[in-house]
Amino acid sequence: MAEPDPMELLADAFDGEPSPFGPRGLLVLRARPSRAFARDALVCEQGSKPLHAALDAEGREVHAELPADLAEFPAAAVCLTRARAENRANLARAWAKTAEGGRLFVSGAKTDGIESLQKALRKEGLEVEAAPRRHGRVLSLVRQGEAPALFAQWLEEAAAAPRVHGLGRDFVTAAGVFSWDKVDPGSALLAEALPPLKGAVADLGAGWGFLSARILESADVASLDLVEAEHAALACAQANLSDPRARFHWADVRAMPLPRASHETVVANPPFHDGREVSLALGTAFLEAAARLLKPSGRLWLVANRTLPYEKVLERAFVEWSEVGGDGAYKLLCAARPRPPAARGRQAR
């Protein structure tokens, strides 16, 4: 069963009113596209590039990160994600941006921890109303007085800070980014297997920069393009990498900002979840983007969950590919000589 959309849950809570707090009256953190609200009703924050672009296409005011000088709002809402620490920090941030006496809402699926969040708020003595809706829930409360002391703790726990050790150094990470509390095992395998690289290199889905740091250990790398869809993750990567060869791109690989046939090497640990669902389409897009980026003699280095059938995609997109390592959970794949676009189409048939 599909998870409930937090924006639809919110719209239900407002009985379908398209502008429940007037123009620019409702701040929504981790907002998603929605036809239920008037175009000027919301001010949105969304760090995921694909969702940010979709909100922008709707004509919304949308920020990757809220400006510090943004005024308080009559109401604010938090759409929950799978990241517990991020959700808690966003609630504390939403409280700070809600005017005294204004209303605060939290919308999300039961599987995203909304019930535990409700319990935590009530334990702090806050009066929280809860409206169950379609396998989800909308919480509401009035912003009155000082923020609970717990909110400061939540903000500190989620903030960007050096918290992961790897490659002989510490890395800055933040709540809500992939593998924020440890080096991803697949990335660790790939980092160990990578040979010294040279020329122009791209790291697709670069995250907070672990693989990029490994790539930049090679003096023969002329440039490294980090492509990452999550704004907070890219900000962490920028904090972690001061090497002038690194260039940072907040982008969806499906709308690649880099020129075709421009790189000697592409490195990738593609995401394979869309929400809680496994998405082969997302990983496939990474492999196809790599084929577009690579020069005719270029090479892709890839780590993937062993259960994901990317071999057919590699067969279609590259002349050569092979499994070069891995373990029981992950496989390391190397592909070379990307096929021209027309040839990829023939292979697909």
Protein backbone atom coordinates (compact mmCIF):
# COMPACT_ATOMS: atom_id res chain seq x y z
CA MET A 1 0.00 0.00 0.00
CA ALA A 2 1.33 3.43 -0.96
CA GLU A 3 2.27 5.73 1.87
CA PRO A 4 0.03 8.76 2.41
CA ASP A 5 1.26 12.03 0.94
CA PRO A 6 1.91 14.52 3.78
CA MET A 7 0.59 17.38 1.64
CA GLU A 8 -2.67 15.52 1.01
CA LEU A 9 -2.98 14.85 4.73
CA LEU A 10 -2.50 18.56 5.40
CA ALA A 11 -5.07 19.51 2.79
CA ASP A 12 -7.56 17.13 4.41
CA ALA A 13 -6.89 18.74 7.78
CA PHE A 14 -7.82 22.11 6.28
CA ASP A 15 -10.99 20.65 4.70
CA GLY A 16 -9.65 21.42 1.24
CA GLU A 17 -9.32 25.17 1.87
CA PRO A 18 -6.76 26.24 -0.76
CA SER A 19 -5.43 29.22 1.22
CA PRO A 20 -6.10 28.43 4.90
CA PHE A 21 -3.93 31.26 6.29
CA GLY A 22 -4.01 33.74 3.42
CA PRO A 23 -1.23 34.61 0.95
CA ARG A 24 2.19 33.42 2.17
CA GLY A 25 0.51 32.43 5.41
CA LEU A 26 1.72 28.84 5.73
CA LEU A 27 5.37 27.84 5.89
CA VAL A 28 5.94 24.20 4.90
CA LEU A 29 9.23 22.45 5.61
CA ARG A 30 10.02 19.51 3.31
CA ALA A 31 7.08 20.57 1.16
CA ARG A 32 6.00 18.52 -1.83
CA PRO A 33 4.04 19.38 -4.97
CA SER A 34 0.31 19.69 -4.37
CA ARG A 35 -2.65 20.97 -6.33
CA ALA A 36 -4.69 21.31 -3.15
CA PHE A 37 -3.24 24.69 -2.17
CA ALA A 38 -3.42 28.05 -3.92
CA ARG A 39 -0.19 29.01 -5.64
CA ASP A 40 0.54 31.90 -3.27
CA ALA A 41 -0.67 30.19 -0.08
CA LEU A 42 2.62 28.53 0.82
CA VAL A 43 6.24 29.37 1.43
CA CYS A 44 8.16 26.14 0.97
CA GLU A 45 11.50 24.68 1.94
CA GLN A 46 12.66 21.63 0.02
CA GLY A 47 16.28 20.55 -0.39
CA SER A 48 15.64 17.68 -2.82
CA LYS A 49 16.36 19.07 -6.28
CA PRO A 50 13.64 17.08 -8.11
CA LEU A 51 10.95 18.09 -5.59
CA HIS A 52 12.27 21.66 -5.48
CA ALA A 53 11.99 21.85 -9.26
CA ALA A 54 8.44 20.46 -9.15
CA LEU A 55 7.40 23.06 -6.57
CA ASP A 56 8.99 25.79 -8.66
CA ALA A 57 7.06 24.53 -11.70
CA GLU A 58 3.86 24.99 -9.69
CA GLY A 59 4.77 28.64 -9.20
CA ARG A 60 5.53 28.25 -5.50
CA GLU A 61 7.93 30.32 -3.46
CA VAL A 62 10.45 27.60 -2.64
CA HIS A 63 13.84 27.70 -0.93
CA ALA A 64 16.50 25.02 -0.70
CA GLU A 65 17.25 26.48 2.72
CA LEU A 66 15.16 29.13 4.47
CA PRO A 67 16.74 32.59 4.52
CA ALA A 68 17.74 33.55 8.06
CA ASP A 69 15.89 36.86 7.84
CA LEU A 70 12.53 35.37 6.83
CA ALA A 71 9.73 36.82 8.98
CA GLU A 72 7.51 34.73 11.24
CA PHE A 73 4.39 33.09 9.81
CA PRO A 74 0.81 32.74 11.06
CA ALA A 75 1.27 28.97 10.71
CA ALA A 76 3.93 26.43 9.85
CA ALA A 77 3.89 22.77 8.90
CA VAL A 78 6.44 19.97 8.79
CA CYS A 79 6.10 17.15 6.27
CA LEU A 80 7.84 14.14 7.76
CA THR A 81 10.58 12.20 6.03
CA ARG A 82 12.13 8.86 6.96
CA ALA A 83 14.84 10.65 8.98
CA ARG A 84 13.81 10.89 12.64
CA ALA A 85 16.48 13.40 13.69
CA GLU A 86 15.71 15.65 10.72
CA ASN A 87 11.99 15.57 11.50
CA ARG A 88 12.59 16.62 15.10
CA ALA A 89 14.93 19.43 14.09
CA ASN A 90 12.45 20.65 11.48
CA LEU A 91 9.73 20.80 14.11
CA ALA A 92 11.98 22.96 16.29
CA ARG A 93 12.78 25.19 13.31
CA ALA A 94 9.10 25.48 12.39
CA TRP A 95 8.29 26.53 15.96
CA ALA A 96 10.88 29.31 15.73
CA LYS A 97 9.32 30.60 12.50
CA THR A 98 5.73 30.58 13.80
CA ALA A 99 4.35 33.77 15.32
CA GLU A 100 3.22 33.76 18.95
CA GLY A 101 -0.29 32.31 19.04
CA GLY A 102 0.11 30.79 15.58
CA ARG A 103 -0.53 27.18 14.73
CA LEU A 104 2.01 24.48 14.07
CA PHE A 105 1.25 21.29 12.12
CA VAL A 106 3.09 18.02 11.60
CA SER A 107 1.96 15.71 8.81
CA GLY A 108 3.16 12.23 7.99
CA ALA A 109 2.75 8.49 7.84
CA LYS A 110 2.78 6.25 10.87
CA THR A 111 5.88 4.60 9.44
CA ASP A 112 7.70 7.96 9.59
CA GLY A 113 7.39 8.12 13.36
CA ILE A 114 4.58 10.60 13.82
CA GLU A 115 3.19 8.71 16.82
CA SER A 116 6.50 8.80 18.70
CA LEU A 117 6.81 12.50 17.88
CA GLN A 118 3.35 13.10 19.29
CA LYS A 119 4.32 11.31 22.52
CA ALA A 120 7.53 13.35 22.82
CA LEU A 121 5.62 16.63 22.47
CA ARG A 122 3.01 15.68 25.03
CA LYS A 123 5.76 14.60 27.42
CA GLU A 124 7.04 18.18 27.21
CA GLY A 125 3.65 19.40 28.40
CA LEU A 126 2.43 20.66 25.02
CA GLU A 127 -1.23 20.34 24.12
CA VAL A 128 -1.23 18.38 20.88
CA GLU A 129 -4.30 17.58 18.83
CA ALA A 130 -4.05 14.52 16.61
CA ALA A 131 -6.22 13.74 13.59
CA PRO A 132 -5.72 10.22 12.16
CA ARG A 133 -6.02 10.23 8.36
CA ARG A 134 -5.42 7.40 5.86
CA HIS A 135 -2.55 5.52 7.52
CA GLY A 136 -1.12 8.84 8.61
CA ARG A 137 -1.75 11.58 11.09
CA VAL A 138 -1.76 15.35 11.34
CA LEU A 139 -0.67 16.87 14.63
CA SER A 140 -1.52 20.45 15.53
CA LEU A 141 -0.54 22.69 18.43
CA VAL A 142 -0.45 26.37 19.30
CA ARG A 143 2.89 28.14 19.49
CA GLN A 144 2.88 29.75 22.92
CA GLY A 145 5.75 31.02 25.04
CA GLU A 146 9.31 29.77 24.96
CA ALA A 147 10.26 26.69 23.01
CA PRO A 148 10.60 23.51 25.06
CA ALA A 149 14.19 22.86 26.16
CA LEU A 150 14.11 19.61 24.21
CA PHE A 151 13.96 21.55 20.94
CA ALA A 152 17.48 22.92 21.44
CA GLN A 153 18.71 19.36 21.94
CA TRP A 154 16.99 18.23 18.75
CA LEU A 155 18.58 21.05 16.77
CA GLU A 156 22.03 20.26 18.13
CA GLU A 157 21.69 16.54 17.39
CA ALA A 158 20.73 17.21 13.76
CA ALA A 159 23.10 20.08 12.92
CA ALA A 160 25.95 19.74 10.46
CA ALA A 161 29.00 18.65 12.45
CA PRO A 162 32.05 16.36 12.19
CA ARG A 163 30.62 13.01 13.23
CA VAL A 164 31.84 10.31 10.80
CA HIS A 165 35.43 9.04 10.66
CA GLY A 166 36.89 7.53 7.52
CA LEU A 167 39.97 7.68 5.28
CA GLY A 168 41.94 8.83 8.32
CA ARG A 169 39.86 11.96 8.93
CA ASP A 170 36.51 13.25 10.18
CA PHE A 171 33.64 14.21 7.87
CA VAL A 172 30.87 16.73 8.45
CA THR A 173 27.38 15.27 8.08
CA ALA A 174 23.85 16.37 9.00
CA ALA A 175 20.55 14.71 9.79
CA GLY A 176 18.51 13.77 6.75
CA VAL A 177 21.43 13.03 4.42
CA PHE A 178 22.20 9.48 3.34
CA SER A 179 24.37 7.50 5.78
CA TRP A 180 24.79 10.50 8.07
CA ASP A 181 26.08 8.54 11.07
CA LYS A 182 28.56 6.15 9.43
CA VAL A 183 30.38 5.46 6.18
CA ASP A 184 28.08 3.51 3.88
CA PRO A 185 29.48 -0.06 3.55
CA GLY A 186 29.04 -0.05 -0.22
CA SER A 187 30.91 3.23 -0.56
CA ALA A 188 33.67 1.88 1.67
CA LEU A 189 34.07 -1.15 -0.63
CA LEU A 190 34.21 1.04 -3.72
CA ALA A 191 36.68 3.46 -2.13
CA GLU A 192 39.02 0.58 -1.35
CA ALA A 193 38.77 -0.84 -4.88
CA LEU A 194 39.26 2.38 -6.85
CA PRO A 195 42.57 2.61 -8.71
CA PRO A 196 44.37 5.96 -8.97
CA LEU A 197 42.27 8.04 -11.35
CA LYS A 198 43.22 10.84 -13.72
CA GLY A 199 41.69 13.56 -15.85
CA ALA A 200 38.11 14.74 -15.44
CA VAL A 201 36.10 12.67 -12.95
CA ALA A 202 32.45 12.86 -11.85
CA ASP A 203 30.93 11.52 -8.64
CA LEU A 204 27.21 11.00 -9.22
CA GLY A 205 25.14 11.05 -6.05
CA ALA A 206 28.16 12.37 -4.18
CA GLY A 207 26.40 12.74 -0.83
CA TRP A 208 28.58 14.32 1.84
CA GLY A 209 31.74 13.63 -0.13
CA PHE A 210 33.28 10.38 1.13
CA LEU A 211 34.01 8.88 -2.30
CA SER A 212 35.05 12.27 -3.62
CA ALA A 213 37.64 12.58 -0.86
CA ARG A 214 39.03 9.22 -1.94
CA ILE A 215 39.09 10.27 -5.61
CA LEU A 216 40.96 13.48 -4.81
CA GLU A 217 43.78 11.49 -3.20
CA SER A 218 45.03 10.99 -6.77
CA ALA A 219 47.23 13.87 -7.92
CA ASP A 220 46.44 13.06 -11.56
CA VAL A 221 42.76 13.97 -11.17
CA ALA A 222 42.41 17.28 -13.00
CA SER A 223 38.85 18.05 -11.91
CA LEU A 224 36.07 16.41 -9.93
CA ASP A 225 32.39 17.21 -10.46
CA LEU A 226 30.22 16.30 -7.49
CA VAL A 227 26.58 15.92 -8.53
CA GLU A 228 24.13 15.63 -5.64
CA ALA A 229 20.36 16.16 -5.49
CA GLU A 230 20.11 16.79 -1.74
CA HIS A 231 21.08 20.35 -0.86
CA ALA A 232 22.09 19.59 2.73
CA ALA A 233 24.34 16.72 1.62
CA LEU A 234 26.07 18.93 -0.93
CA ALA A 235 26.62 21.60 1.74
CA CYS A 236 28.32 18.94 3.87
CA ALA A 237 30.48 17.93 0.91
CA GLN A 238 31.53 21.55 0.46
CA ALA A 239 32.51 21.68 4.13
CA ASN A 240 34.48 18.45 3.76
CA LEU A 241 36.36 19.22 0.54
CA SER A 242 38.47 22.34 0.18
CA ASP A 243 40.41 21.00 -2.82
CA PRO A 244 40.14 23.53 -5.69
CA ARG A 245 39.70 20.69 -8.18
CA ALA A 246 36.25 19.95 -6.72
CA ARG A 247 33.18 21.52 -8.34
CA PHE A 248 29.78 21.20 -6.72
CA HIS A 249 26.47 20.78 -8.57
CA TRP A 250 23.10 20.71 -6.83
CA ALA A 251 21.31 18.74 -9.53
CA ASP A 252 19.16 15.79 -10.46
CA VAL A 253 21.19 13.36 -12.59
CA ARG A 254 18.13 13.04 -14.83
CA ALA A 255 18.63 16.71 -15.75
CA MET A 256 22.41 16.53 -15.93
CA PRO A 257 24.12 19.95 -15.96
CA LEU A 258 27.41 18.63 -17.36
CA PRO A 259 28.33 18.29 -21.06
CA ARG A 260 28.26 14.95 -22.86
CA ALA A 261 31.43 12.93 -23.43
CA SER A 262 33.42 15.17 -21.09
CA HIS A 263 34.83 12.84 -18.42
CA GLU A 264 37.42 10.07 -18.24
CA THR A 265 35.80 8.43 -15.21
CA VAL A 266 32.45 8.38 -13.43
CA VAL A 267 32.07 6.95 -9.93
CA ALA A 268 28.64 6.19 -8.46
CA ASN A 269 26.84 4.60 -5.54
CA PRO A 270 23.32 5.17 -6.88
CA PRO A 271 20.32 5.49 -4.58
CA PHE A 272 17.71 2.81 -5.11
CA HIS A 273 14.83 3.90 -2.90
CA ASP A 274 12.01 6.30 -3.72
CA GLY A 275 10.57 6.84 -0.26
CA ARG A 276 10.38 3.31 1.13
CA GLU A 277 9.96 1.65 -2.27
CA VAL A 278 12.85 0.11 -4.21
CA SER A 279 13.24 2.07 -7.46
CA LEU A 280 15.25 0.48 -10.27
CA ALA A 281 14.39 3.47 -12.43
CA LEU A 282 16.43 5.80 -10.23
CA GLY A 283 19.55 3.64 -10.35
CA THR A 284 19.08 3.12 -14.08
CA ALA A 285 19.04 6.90 -14.56
CA PHE A 286 22.43 7.12 -12.85
CA LEU A 287 23.95 4.51 -15.15
CA GLU A 288 22.52 6.17 -18.24
CA ALA A 289 23.77 9.57 -17.06
CA ALA A 290 27.23 8.07 -16.59
CA ALA A 291 27.21 6.74 -20.15
CA ARG A 292 26.31 10.20 -21.44
CA LEU A 293 29.08 11.90 -19.44
CA LEU A 294 31.90 9.56 -20.36
CA LYS A 295 34.30 9.99 -23.24
CA PRO A 296 34.41 7.07 -25.74
CA SER A 297 37.32 5.56 -23.80
CA GLY A 298 35.79 6.39 -20.41
CA ARG A 299 35.08 4.07 -17.51
CA LEU A 300 32.34 3.76 -14.88
CA TRP A 301 33.03 2.43 -11.38
CA LEU A 302 29.85 1.42 -9.60
CA VAL A 303 28.77 -0.18 -6.34
CA ALA A 304 25.29 -1.63 -6.01
CA ASN A 305 23.23 -3.84 -3.76
CA ARG A 306 23.77 -7.40 -4.97
CA THR A 307 20.05 -7.94 -5.56
CA LEU A 308 19.71 -5.06 -8.04
CA PRO A 309 19.77 -6.22 -11.69
CA TYR A 310 21.85 -3.40 -13.20
CA GLU A 311 23.72 -5.77 -15.51
CA LYS A 312 21.07 -5.42 -18.23
CA VAL A 313 21.42 -1.64 -18.10
CA LEU A 314 25.20 -1.90 -18.36
CA GLU A 315 24.85 -4.27 -21.32
CA ARG A 316 22.67 -1.73 -23.08
CA ALA A 317 24.78 1.33 -22.26
CA PHE A 318 28.37 0.02 -22.50
CA VAL A 319 30.40 -2.19 -24.82
CA GLU A 320 32.25 -3.80 -21.90
CA TRP A 321 31.42 -4.43 -18.26
CA SER A 322 32.40 -6.86 -15.54
CA GLU A 323 32.00 -7.54 -11.83
CA VAL A 324 35.31 -6.69 -10.19
CA GLY A 325 34.64 -7.39 -6.52
CA GLY A 326 32.21 -7.09 -3.66
CA ASP A 327 30.88 -9.15 -0.80
CA GLY A 328 27.66 -10.91 0.14
CA ALA A 329 25.68 -7.66 0.19
CA TYR A 330 27.28 -5.52 -2.52
CA LYS A 331 28.82 -5.94 -5.95
CA LEU A 332 31.46 -3.75 -7.55
CA LEU A 333 30.98 -3.24 -11.28
CA CYS A 334 33.22 -1.62 -13.85
CA ALA A 335 31.96 -0.62 -17.30
CA ALA A 336 33.92 0.81 -20.22
CA ARG A 337 33.37 2.24 -23.69
CA PRO A 338 29.90 3.80 -23.51
CA ARG A 339 27.72 3.09 -26.50
CA PRO A 340 26.49 6.00 -28.65
CA PRO A 341 22.85 6.92 -27.91
CA ALA A 342 21.58 5.32 -31.12
CA ALA A 343 23.37 2.06 -30.31
CA ARG A 344 21.84 2.04 -26.83
CA GLY A 345 18.42 2.21 -28.43
CA ARG A 346 19.20 -0.78 -30.65
CA GLN A 347 20.47 -2.76 -27.66
CA ALA A 348 17.22 -2.06 -25.81
CA ARG A 349 15.26 -3.65 -28.66
